[in-house]
Amino acid sequence: MNTGKVITGMVTDKNNKVTFVQNNGITYQVVSENSIDLTLGQTIEGFAYTDKEGNQLFSLEIPEVRVGNFGWGEVIEVKRSLGVFVNVNWENKDLVISLDDLPNEGHLWPKKGDRLYVTVSVDEQERMWGKLAEEEDFYAISRTGQKEFHNQDVSGHAFKMKKSGTYFYMEDNYVGFIHPSEREREPRLGELVNGRIIGLREDGVYYVSMMPRAHEVLDDDAAMLLEVLRRSPNHKFEYHDKSDPQSIKDHFGISKGQFKRAIGRLLKQKLVEQDTTGTKLLEENQSDKS
């Protein structure tokens, strides 16, 4: 079976519009733009496949996605009764990922625009199917994580959903893992994931959180007070819940009610501590590492 593979064919017929090659008695139509330069009897290498109309085609541009080789494709259609259709840059042909290879939970299926790392499988009827890469396929092309990237923002596409968490492949060729406690919802297969590095596993996989940094969930008043504390001597100021309203207004430009609400948010995020002498930034938050 040659379908989905790179083969060698001989040019057997051509005219001003189309060129044909043969391999093992099968005739293929060449679909590449530069086929006009081919001559009768010439032996050429190309990618053989069947398009959605059943035509046998031969592409001189070797695609990344083919039998024995993985590449990225974009989901263009979802059919619950069949699976998902993926554009892998073949002319007049998309790959189908069977529903049997997709998550049992429908909400974890890819959506249009999501990206999947796939290869090609050909069944006994010479039908081509897309096959998702396994974990080991991602590890084979990934780099080992480095500790110095802690807290760095990262993004990539989810490729494996487990009870223990979600694995995704980062755009800079690292593998990331998101524990359920570090996300508000479970990403679907192929979804673009955005997060930040919070740790490094022994095998070089990054621990990643999709939860916002503490300062990113603060309102303007709380963020302002947090910055004042970071810039203050000893990371402390003398103001607290019992301080004089006018003093608070004069110093911070906000009302005592606003001050108390903002301090409450900082306390809730475990960024500060407060007593009768004032408010102090907790030691682990005295530089912007949150």
C-alpha atoms as a PDB file:
ATOM      1  CA  MET A   1       0.000   0.000   0.000  1.00  0.00           C
ATOM      2  CA  ASN A   2       1.391   3.352  -1.086  1.00  0.00           C
ATOM      3  CA  THR A   3      -1.387   5.573   0.221  1.00  0.00           C
ATOM      4  CA  GLY A   4      -0.120   8.226   2.596  1.00  0.00           C
ATOM      5  CA  LYS A   5       3.537   7.510   1.815  1.00  0.00           C
ATOM      6  CA  VAL A   6       6.412   9.035  -0.120  1.00  0.00           C
ATOM      7  CA  ILE A   7       6.994   6.954  -3.264  1.00  0.00           C
ATOM      8  CA  THR A   8       8.853   7.105  -6.574  1.00  0.00           C
ATOM      9  CA  GLY A   9       6.873   7.334  -9.803  1.00  0.00           C
ATOM     10  CA  MET A  10       7.561   7.676 -13.520  1.00  0.00           C
ATOM     11  CA  VAL A  11       5.987  10.378 -15.659  1.00  0.00           C
ATOM     12  CA  THR A  12       3.823   8.523 -18.175  1.00  0.00           C
ATOM     13  CA  ASP A  13       1.563  11.224 -19.605  1.00  0.00           C
ATOM     14  CA  LYS A  14       1.252  15.000 -19.607  1.00  0.00           C
ATOM     15  CA  ASN A  15      -0.433  17.869 -21.399  1.00  0.00           C
ATOM     16  CA  ASN A  16      -0.734  21.591 -20.856  1.00  0.00           C
ATOM     17  CA  LYS A  17      -2.970  21.111 -17.820  1.00  0.00           C
ATOM     18  CA  VAL A  18      -2.101  17.886 -16.023  1.00  0.00           C
ATOM     19  CA  THR A  19       0.736  15.421 -15.542  1.00  0.00           C
ATOM     20  CA  PHE A  20       0.429  11.750 -14.591  1.00  0.00           C
ATOM     21  CA  VAL A  21       2.888   9.351 -12.980  1.00  0.00           C
ATOM     22  CA  GLN A  22       2.720   5.612 -12.389  1.00  0.00           C
ATOM     23  CA  ASN A  23       3.913   3.350  -9.610  1.00  0.00           C
ATOM     24  CA  ASN A  24       3.219  -0.406  -9.536  1.00  0.00           C
ATOM     25  CA  GLY A  25       0.511  -0.044 -12.158  1.00  0.00           C
ATOM     26  CA  ILE A  26      -1.350   2.733 -10.340  1.00  0.00           C
ATOM     27  CA  THR A  27      -1.708   6.093 -12.088  1.00  0.00           C
ATOM     28  CA  TYR A  28      -1.547   9.291 -10.047  1.00  0.00           C
ATOM     29  CA  GLN A  29      -2.285  12.866 -11.051  1.00  0.00           C
ATOM     30  CA  VAL A  30       0.474  15.291 -10.090  1.00  0.00           C
ATOM     31  CA  VAL A  31      -0.953  18.228  -8.131  1.00  0.00           C
ATOM     32  CA  SER A  32       2.152  20.387  -7.682  1.00  0.00           C
ATOM     33  CA  GLU A  33       2.495  23.762  -9.417  1.00  0.00           C
ATOM     34  CA  ASN A  34       5.913  22.954 -10.877  1.00  0.00           C
ATOM     35  CA  SER A  35       4.729  19.767 -12.614  1.00  0.00           C
ATOM     36  CA  ILE A  36       4.876  21.629 -15.939  1.00  0.00           C
ATOM     37  CA  ASP A  37       8.662  21.199 -15.890  1.00  0.00           C
ATOM     38  CA  LEU A  38       8.463  17.400 -15.784  1.00  0.00           C
ATOM     39  CA  THR A  39       9.291  15.302 -18.846  1.00  0.00           C
ATOM     40  CA  LEU A  40       7.981  11.944 -20.054  1.00  0.00           C
ATOM     41  CA  GLY A  41       9.945   9.039 -18.623  1.00  0.00           C
ATOM     42  CA  GLN A  42      11.319  11.109 -15.769  1.00  0.00           C
ATOM     43  CA  THR A  43      11.447   9.417 -12.360  1.00  0.00           C
ATOM     44  CA  ILE A  44      10.343  11.615  -9.475  1.00  0.00           C
ATOM     45  CA  GLU A  45       9.614  11.354  -5.764  1.00  0.00           C
ATOM     46  CA  GLY A  46       6.327  12.491  -4.281  1.00  0.00           C
ATOM     47  CA  PHE A  47       3.585  11.953  -1.745  1.00  0.00           C
ATOM     48  CA  ALA A  48       0.791   9.597  -2.810  1.00  0.00           C
ATOM     49  CA  TYR A  49      -2.714   9.933  -1.407  1.00  0.00           C
ATOM     50  CA  THR A  50      -6.407   9.775  -2.259  1.00  0.00           C
ATOM     51  CA  ASP A  51      -8.417  13.004  -2.113  1.00  0.00           C
ATOM     52  CA  LYS A  52     -11.987  13.357  -0.855  1.00  0.00           C
ATOM     53  CA  GLU A  53     -13.364  12.607  -4.352  1.00  0.00           C
ATOM     54  CA  GLY A  54     -11.386   9.378  -4.557  1.00  0.00           C
ATOM     55  CA  ASN A  55      -8.771  10.657  -6.997  1.00  0.00           C
ATOM     56  CA  GLN A  56      -5.252   9.239  -6.762  1.00  0.00           C
ATOM     57  CA  LEU A  57      -2.947  12.234  -6.311  1.00  0.00           C
ATOM     58  CA  PHE A  58       0.820  12.701  -6.278  1.00  0.00           C
ATOM     59  CA  SER A  59       2.301  15.782  -4.589  1.00  0.00           C
ATOM     60  CA  LEU A  60       5.872  16.895  -5.209  1.00  0.00           C
ATOM     61  CA  GLU A  61       5.710  18.930  -1.998  1.00  0.00           C
ATOM     62  CA  ILE A  62       6.259  16.325   0.728  1.00  0.00           C
ATOM     63  CA  PRO A  63       3.927  17.105   3.646  1.00  0.00           C
ATOM     64  CA  GLU A  64       4.995  16.836   7.243  1.00  0.00           C
ATOM     65  CA  VAL A  65       2.005  14.644   8.114  1.00  0.00           C
ATOM     66  CA  ARG A  66       2.285  11.254   6.423  1.00  0.00           C
ATOM     67  CA  VAL A  67       2.611   7.563   7.296  1.00  0.00           C
ATOM     68  CA  GLY A  68       5.437   7.226   9.802  1.00  0.00           C
ATOM     69  CA  ASN A  69       5.779  10.958  10.397  1.00  0.00           C
ATOM     70  CA  PHE A  70       4.011  13.375  12.740  1.00  0.00           C
ATOM     71  CA  GLY A  71       3.025  16.978  12.217  1.00  0.00           C
ATOM     72  CA  TRP A  72       0.601  19.624  13.449  1.00  0.00           C
ATOM     73  CA  GLY A  73      -2.837  20.097  11.973  1.00  0.00           C
ATOM     74  CA  GLU A  74      -5.747  22.422  12.670  1.00  0.00           C
ATOM     75  CA  VAL A  75      -9.258  21.198  13.460  1.00  0.00           C
ATOM     76  CA  ILE A  76     -11.681  22.555  10.854  1.00  0.00           C
ATOM     77  CA  GLU A  77     -14.864  20.587  11.615  1.00  0.00           C
ATOM     78  CA  VAL A  78     -16.371  18.442  14.367  1.00  0.00           C
ATOM     79  CA  LYS A  79     -18.909  15.666  13.706  1.00  0.00           C
ATOM     80  CA  ARG A  80     -20.101  13.899  16.846  1.00  0.00           C
ATOM     81  CA  SER A  81     -21.076  10.791  14.858  1.00  0.00           C
ATOM     82  CA  LEU A  82     -17.648  10.425  13.254  1.00  0.00           C
ATOM     83  CA  GLY A  83     -14.875  12.486  14.856  1.00  0.00           C
ATOM     84  CA  VAL A  84     -12.962  15.635  13.955  1.00  0.00           C
ATOM     85  CA  PHE A  85     -11.597  16.788  10.593  1.00  0.00           C
ATOM     86  CA  VAL A  86      -8.051  18.149  10.588  1.00  0.00           C
ATOM     87  CA  ASN A  87      -6.350  20.291   7.949  1.00  0.00           C
ATOM     88  CA  VAL A  88      -2.833  18.908   7.419  1.00  0.00           C
ATOM     89  CA  ASN A  89      -2.016  20.934   4.275  1.00  0.00           C
ATOM     90  CA  TRP A  90      -2.975  18.327   1.698  1.00  0.00           C
ATOM     91  CA  GLU A  91      -4.730  19.568  -1.424  1.00  0.00           C
ATOM     92  CA  ASN A  92      -8.445  18.654  -1.418  1.00  0.00           C
ATOM     93  CA  LYS A  93      -8.131  16.305   1.563  1.00  0.00           C
ATOM     94  CA  ASP A  94      -8.482  16.540   5.342  1.00  0.00           C
ATOM     95  CA  LEU A  95      -7.685  13.842   7.889  1.00  0.00           C
ATOM     96  CA  VAL A  96     -10.360  12.442  10.175  1.00  0.00           C
ATOM     97  CA  ILE A  97      -9.577  11.568  13.789  1.00  0.00           C
ATOM     98  CA  SER A  98     -12.077   8.856  14.692  1.00  0.00           C
ATOM     99  CA  LEU A  99     -14.348   9.368  17.699  1.00  0.00           C
ATOM    100  CA  ASP A 100     -12.839   6.123  19.028  1.00  0.00           C
ATOM    101  CA  ASP A 101      -9.544   7.985  19.484  1.00  0.00           C
ATOM    102  CA  LEU A 102     -11.089  11.038  21.150  1.00  0.00           C
ATOM    103  CA  PRO A 103     -11.949  11.579  24.838  1.00  0.00           C
ATOM    104  CA  ASN A 104     -15.096   9.884  26.130  1.00  0.00           C
ATOM    105  CA  GLU A 105     -16.273  13.207  27.562  1.00  0.00           C
ATOM    106  CA  GLY A 106     -17.698  15.325  24.764  1.00  0.00           C
ATOM    107  CA  HIS A 107     -16.682  18.615  26.376  1.00  0.00           C
ATOM    108  CA  LEU A 108     -13.033  17.548  26.070  1.00  0.00           C
ATOM    109  CA  TRP A 109     -13.241  17.076  22.289  1.00  0.00           C
ATOM    110  CA  PRO A 110     -11.284  19.579  20.187  1.00  0.00           C
ATOM    111  CA  LYS A 111     -13.096  22.554  18.705  1.00  0.00           C
ATOM    112  CA  LYS A 112     -12.584  24.321  15.394  1.00  0.00           C
ATOM    113  CA  GLY A 113      -9.227  26.098  15.455  1.00  0.00           C
ATOM    114  CA  ASP A 114      -7.598  23.771  17.992  1.00  0.00           C
ATOM    115  CA  ARG A 115      -4.342  22.080  16.973  1.00  0.00           C
ATOM    116  CA  LEU A 116      -3.427  18.394  17.112  1.00  0.00           C
ATOM    117  CA  TYR A 117      -0.151  16.534  16.586  1.00  0.00           C
ATOM    118  CA  VAL A 118      -0.991  13.640  14.270  1.00  0.00           C
ATOM    119  CA  THR A 119       0.264  10.998  11.882  1.00  0.00           C
ATOM    120  CA  VAL A 120      -1.480   8.838   9.267  1.00  0.00           C
ATOM    121  CA  SER A 121      -2.875   5.325   9.534  1.00  0.00           C
ATOM    122  CA  VAL A 122      -4.197   3.423   6.494  1.00  0.00           C
ATOM    123  CA  ASP A 123      -6.792   0.681   6.946  1.00  0.00           C
ATOM    124  CA  GLU A 124      -7.376  -2.436   4.830  1.00  0.00           C
ATOM    125  CA  GLN A 125      -9.680  -0.480   2.511  1.00  0.00           C
ATOM    126  CA  GLU A 126      -6.868   2.028   1.827  1.00  0.00           C
ATOM    127  CA  ARG A 127      -8.708   4.699   3.812  1.00  0.00           C
ATOM    128  CA  MET A 128      -6.506   7.204   5.588  1.00  0.00           C
ATOM    129  CA  TRP A 129      -7.176   8.140   9.219  1.00  0.00           C
ATOM    130  CA  GLY A 130      -5.490  10.595  11.486  1.00  0.00           C
ATOM    131  CA  LYS A 131      -3.862   9.157  14.592  1.00  0.00           C
ATOM    132  CA  LEU A 132      -3.022  11.229  17.635  1.00  0.00           C
ATOM    133  CA  ALA A 133       0.525  11.243  18.934  1.00  0.00           C
ATOM    134  CA  GLU A 134       1.114   9.395  22.206  1.00  0.00           C
ATOM    135  CA  GLU A 135       2.973  10.763  25.215  1.00  0.00           C
ATOM    136  CA  GLU A 136       6.230   9.126  24.172  1.00  0.00           C
ATOM    137  CA  ASP A 137       6.027  10.848  20.783  1.00  0.00           C
ATOM    138  CA  PHE A 138       6.017  14.240  22.484  1.00  0.00           C
ATOM    139  CA  TYR A 139       8.844  13.295  24.836  1.00  0.00           C
ATOM    140  CA  ALA A 140      10.889  12.206  21.808  1.00  0.00           C
ATOM    141  CA  ILE A 141      10.836  15.739  20.362  1.00  0.00           C
ATOM    142  CA  SER A 142      10.775  17.780  23.569  1.00  0.00           C
ATOM    143  CA  ARG A 143      13.560  19.503  25.455  1.00  0.00           C
ATOM    144  CA  THR A 144      14.354  19.034  29.135  1.00  0.00           C
ATOM    145  CA  GLY A 145      13.072  21.842  31.336  1.00  0.00           C
ATOM    146  CA  GLN A 146      15.410  24.261  33.118  1.00  0.00           C
ATOM    147  CA  LYS A 147      14.937  25.677  36.614  1.00  0.00           C
ATOM    148  CA  GLU A 148      15.772  29.247  35.585  1.00  0.00           C
ATOM    149  CA  PHE A 149      12.460  29.546  33.724  1.00  0.00           C
ATOM    150  CA  HIS A 150      10.432  29.529  36.953  1.00  0.00           C
ATOM    151  CA  ASN A 151       7.402  31.876  36.833  1.00  0.00           C
ATOM    152  CA  GLN A 152       7.775  32.405  33.078  1.00  0.00           C
ATOM    153  CA  ASP A 153       4.577  32.698  31.041  1.00  0.00           C
ATOM    154  CA  VAL A 154       4.112  29.775  28.645  1.00  0.00           C
ATOM    155  CA  SER A 155       1.580  28.546  26.109  1.00  0.00           C
ATOM    156  CA  GLY A 156       0.969  25.391  24.123  1.00  0.00           C
ATOM    157  CA  HIS A 157      -1.632  22.817  23.090  1.00  0.00           C
ATOM    158  CA  ALA A 158      -3.135  20.161  25.359  1.00  0.00           C
ATOM    159  CA  PHE A 159      -2.422  16.620  24.172  1.00  0.00           C
ATOM    160  CA  LYS A 160      -3.253  14.269  27.069  1.00  0.00           C
ATOM    161  CA  MET A 161      -6.016  14.325  29.672  1.00  0.00           C
ATOM    162  CA  LYS A 162      -5.589  12.199  32.789  1.00  0.00           C
ATOM    163  CA  LYS A 163      -7.204  12.096  36.207  1.00  0.00           C
ATOM    164  CA  SER A 164      -3.902  13.344  37.591  1.00  0.00           C
ATOM    165  CA  GLY A 165      -3.901  16.380  35.307  1.00  0.00           C
ATOM    166  CA  THR A 166      -3.402  17.756  31.792  1.00  0.00           C
ATOM    167  CA  TYR A 167      -0.277  17.483  29.650  1.00  0.00           C
ATOM    168  CA  PHE A 168       0.424  20.074  26.976  1.00  0.00           C
ATOM    169  CA  TYR A 169       3.206  20.740  24.479  1.00  0.00           C
ATOM    170  CA  MET A 170       4.687  24.209  24.739  1.00  0.00           C
ATOM    171  CA  GLU A 171       5.495  26.384  21.758  1.00  0.00           C
ATOM    172  CA  ASP A 172       9.200  26.294  22.691  1.00  0.00           C
ATOM    173  CA  ASN A 173       9.283  22.467  22.686  1.00  0.00           C
ATOM    174  CA  TYR A 174       8.869  21.682  26.380  1.00  0.00           C
ATOM    175  CA  VAL A 175       6.211  19.483  27.981  1.00  0.00           C
ATOM    176  CA  GLY A 176       4.052  20.998  30.700  1.00  0.00           C
ATOM    177  CA  PHE A 177       1.770  19.402  33.291  1.00  0.00           C
ATOM    178  CA  ILE A 178      -1.213  21.095  34.941  1.00  0.00           C
ATOM    179  CA  HIS A 179      -2.547  19.594  38.163  1.00  0.00           C
ATOM    180  CA  PRO A 180      -6.345  19.921  38.637  1.00  0.00           C
ATOM    181  CA  SER A 181      -5.729  22.292  41.562  1.00  0.00           C
ATOM    182  CA  GLU A 182      -3.891  24.671  39.210  1.00  0.00           C
ATOM    183  CA  ARG A 183      -6.771  25.267  36.802  1.00  0.00           C
ATOM    184  CA  GLU A 184     -10.335  26.551  36.956  1.00  0.00           C
ATOM    185  CA  ARG A 185     -11.520  24.055  34.324  1.00  0.00           C
ATOM    186  CA  GLU A 186     -10.048  21.138  32.411  1.00  0.00           C
ATOM    187  CA  PRO A 187      -8.620  22.121  28.998  1.00  0.00           C
ATOM    188  CA  ARG A 188      -9.951  20.203  26.011  1.00  0.00           C
ATOM    189  CA  LEU A 189      -7.764  18.198  23.630  1.00  0.00           C
ATOM    190  CA  GLY A 190      -5.862  20.503  21.269  1.00  0.00           C
ATOM    191  CA  GLU A 191      -6.836  23.668  23.114  1.00  0.00           C
ATOM    192  CA  LEU A 192      -4.325  26.500  23.405  1.00  0.00           C
ATOM    193  CA  VAL A 193      -3.283  26.603  27.067  1.00  0.00           C
ATOM    194  CA  ASN A 194      -1.787  29.664  28.741  1.00  0.00           C
ATOM    195  CA  GLY A 195      -0.099  29.479  32.130  1.00  0.00           C
ATOM    196  CA  ARG A 196       3.074  30.054  34.097  1.00  0.00           C
ATOM    197  CA  ILE A 197       5.824  27.719  35.229  1.00  0.00           C
ATOM    198  CA  ILE A 198       5.661  26.921  38.951  1.00  0.00           C
ATOM    199  CA  GLY A 199       8.052  23.987  39.201  1.00  0.00           C
ATOM    200  CA  LEU A 200      10.144  21.354  37.463  1.00  0.00           C
ATOM    201  CA  ARG A 201       9.610  17.607  37.649  1.00  0.00           C
ATOM    202  CA  GLU A 202      12.566  15.219  37.906  1.00  0.00           C
ATOM    203  CA  ASP A 203      12.029  14.071  34.314  1.00  0.00           C
ATOM    204  CA  GLY A 204      12.229  17.625  32.961  1.00  0.00           C
ATOM    205  CA  VAL A 205       8.480  18.232  32.632  1.00  0.00           C
ATOM    206  CA  TYR A 206       7.354  21.647  33.838  1.00  0.00           C
ATOM    207  CA  TYR A 207       4.673  22.056  36.476  1.00  0.00           C
ATOM    208  CA  VAL A 208       2.405  24.803  35.157  1.00  0.00           C
ATOM    209  CA  SER A 209      -0.416  26.791  36.730  1.00  0.00           C
ATOM    210  CA  MET A 210      -3.329  28.298  34.815  1.00  0.00           C
ATOM    211  CA  MET A 211      -4.399  30.242  37.896  1.00  0.00           C
ATOM    212  CA  PRO A 212      -3.720  33.994  37.875  1.00  0.00           C
ATOM    213  CA  ARG A 213      -0.867  35.419  39.873  1.00  0.00           C
ATOM    214  CA  ALA A 214      -1.952  36.995  43.128  1.00  0.00           C
ATOM    215  CA  HIS A 215      -1.472  40.551  41.881  1.00  0.00           C
ATOM    216  CA  GLU A 216      -3.517  39.788  38.758  1.00  0.00           C
ATOM    217  CA  VAL A 217      -6.685  39.186  40.792  1.00  0.00           C
ATOM    218  CA  LEU A 218      -6.336  42.401  42.787  1.00  0.00           C
ATOM    219  CA  ASP A 219      -8.312  45.552  42.075  1.00  0.00           C
ATOM    220  CA  ASP A 220      -6.573  48.877  41.511  1.00  0.00           C
ATOM    221  CA  ASP A 221      -6.625  49.909  45.185  1.00  0.00           C
ATOM    222  CA  ALA A 222      -5.153  46.622  46.407  1.00  0.00           C
ATOM    223  CA  ALA A 223      -2.510  46.655  43.671  1.00  0.00           C
ATOM    224  CA  MET A 224      -1.567  50.214  44.636  1.00  0.00           C
ATOM    225  CA  LEU A 225      -1.188  49.324  48.328  1.00  0.00           C
ATOM    226  CA  LEU A 226       0.852  46.249  47.412  1.00  0.00           C
ATOM    227  CA  GLU A 227       3.246  48.389  45.379  1.00  0.00           C
ATOM    228  CA  VAL A 228       3.522  50.946  48.211  1.00  0.00           C
ATOM    229  CA  LEU A 229       4.471  48.151  50.611  1.00  0.00           C
ATOM    230  CA  ARG A 230       7.088  46.798  48.218  1.00  0.00           C
ATOM    231  CA  ARG A 231       8.698  50.238  47.978  1.00  0.00           C
ATOM    232  CA  SER A 232       8.426  51.116  51.681  1.00  0.00           C
ATOM    233  CA  PRO A 233      11.301  50.712  54.189  1.00  0.00           C
ATOM    234  CA  ASN A 234      11.044  47.245  55.748  1.00  0.00           C
ATOM    235  CA  HIS A 235       8.078  46.639  53.409  1.00  0.00           C
ATOM    236  CA  LYS A 236       5.714  48.073  56.005  1.00  0.00           C
ATOM    237  CA  PHE A 237       3.496  51.099  56.655  1.00  0.00           C
ATOM    238  CA  GLU A 238       1.834  52.267  59.872  1.00  0.00           C
ATOM    239  CA  TYR A 239      -1.719  52.221  58.549  1.00  0.00           C
ATOM    240  CA  HIS A 240      -4.260  49.531  59.487  1.00  0.00           C
ATOM    241  CA  ASP A 241      -8.007  49.004  59.897  1.00  0.00           C
ATOM    242  CA  LYS A 242      -8.195  51.294  62.945  1.00  0.00           C
ATOM    243  CA  SER A 243      -6.239  54.164  61.410  1.00  0.00           C
ATOM    244  CA  ASP A 244      -7.782  57.627  61.116  1.00  0.00           C
ATOM    245  CA  PRO A 245      -9.870  57.975  57.910  1.00  0.00           C
ATOM    246  CA  GLN A 246      -8.418  61.378  57.056  1.00  0.00           C
ATOM    247  CA  SER A 247      -4.850  60.117  57.487  1.00  0.00           C
ATOM    248  CA  ILE A 248      -5.608  57.280  55.088  1.00  0.00           C
ATOM    249  CA  LYS A 249      -7.164  59.720  52.628  1.00  0.00           C
ATOM    250  CA  ASP A 250      -4.220  62.111  52.842  1.00  0.00           C
ATOM    251  CA  HIS A 251      -1.598  59.390  52.438  1.00  0.00           C
ATOM    252  CA  PHE A 252      -3.178  57.050  49.872  1.00  0.00           C
ATOM    253  CA  GLY A 253      -5.866  59.174  48.236  1.00  0.00           C
ATOM    254  CA  ILE A 254      -8.611  56.631  48.964  1.00  0.00           C
ATOM    255  CA  SER A 255     -11.345  56.400  51.577  1.00  0.00           C
ATOM    256  CA  LYS A 256     -11.034  54.246  54.675  1.00  0.00           C
ATOM    257  CA  GLY A 257     -13.694  51.925  53.239  1.00  0.00           C
ATOM    258  CA  GLN A 258     -11.660  51.462  50.072  1.00  0.00           C
ATOM    259  CA  PHE A 259      -8.543  50.939  52.178  1.00  0.00           C
ATOM    260  CA  LYS A 260     -10.174  48.232  54.294  1.00  0.00           C
ATOM    261  CA  ARG A 261     -11.524  46.402  51.260  1.00  0.00           C
ATOM    262  CA  ALA A 262      -8.131  46.521  49.555  1.00  0.00           C
ATOM    263  CA  ILE A 263      -6.299  45.305  52.671  1.00  0.00           C
ATOM    264  CA  GLY A 264      -8.895  42.543  52.983  1.00  0.00           C
ATOM    265  CA  ARG A 265      -8.021  41.311  49.496  1.00  0.00           C
ATOM    266  CA  LEU A 266      -4.319  41.359  50.291  1.00  0.00           C
ATOM    267  CA  LEU A 267      -4.945  39.399  53.483  1.00  0.00           C
ATOM    268  CA  LYS A 268      -7.078  36.882  51.612  1.00  0.00           C
ATOM    269  CA  GLN A 269      -4.304  36.362  49.068  1.00  0.00           C
ATOM    270  CA  LYS A 270      -1.835  35.886  51.960  1.00  0.00           C
ATOM    271  CA  LEU A 271       0.273  38.757  50.701  1.00  0.00           C
ATOM    272  CA  VAL A 272       0.330  40.812  53.913  1.00  0.00           C
ATOM    273  CA  GLU A 273      -0.113  40.588  57.661  1.00  0.00           C
ATOM    274  CA  GLN A 274      -1.597  43.253  59.914  1.00  0.00           C
ATOM    275  CA  ASP A 275      -1.489  44.172  63.600  1.00  0.00           C
ATOM    276  CA  THR A 276      -1.943  47.297  65.724  1.00  0.00           C
ATOM    277  CA  THR A 277       1.378  48.711  64.518  1.00  0.00           C
ATOM    278  CA  GLY A 278       0.441  48.650  60.853  1.00  0.00           C
ATOM    279  CA  THR A 279       0.513  46.468  57.745  1.00  0.00           C
ATOM    280  CA  LYS A 280       3.514  44.477  56.540  1.00  0.00           C
ATOM    281  CA  LEU A 281       4.263  42.575  53.379  1.00  0.00           C
ATOM    282  CA  LEU A 282       4.931  38.900  54.043  1.00  0.00           C
ATOM    283  CA  GLU A 283       8.549  38.031  53.389  1.00  0.00           C
ATOM    284  CA  GLU A 284       7.919  35.692  50.464  1.00  0.00           C
ATOM    285  CA  ASN A 285       6.104  38.515  48.628  1.00  0.00           C
ATOM    286  CA  GLN A 286       8.699  41.236  49.084  1.00  0.00           C
ATOM    287  CA  SER A 287       9.763  40.924  45.463  1.00  0.00           C
ATOM    288  CA  ASP A 288       7.391  40.367  42.581  1.00  0.00           C
ATOM    289  CA  LYS A 289       7.500  36.579  42.605  1.00  0.00           C
ATOM    290  CA  SER A 290       3.827  35.886  43.076  1.00  0.00           C
END
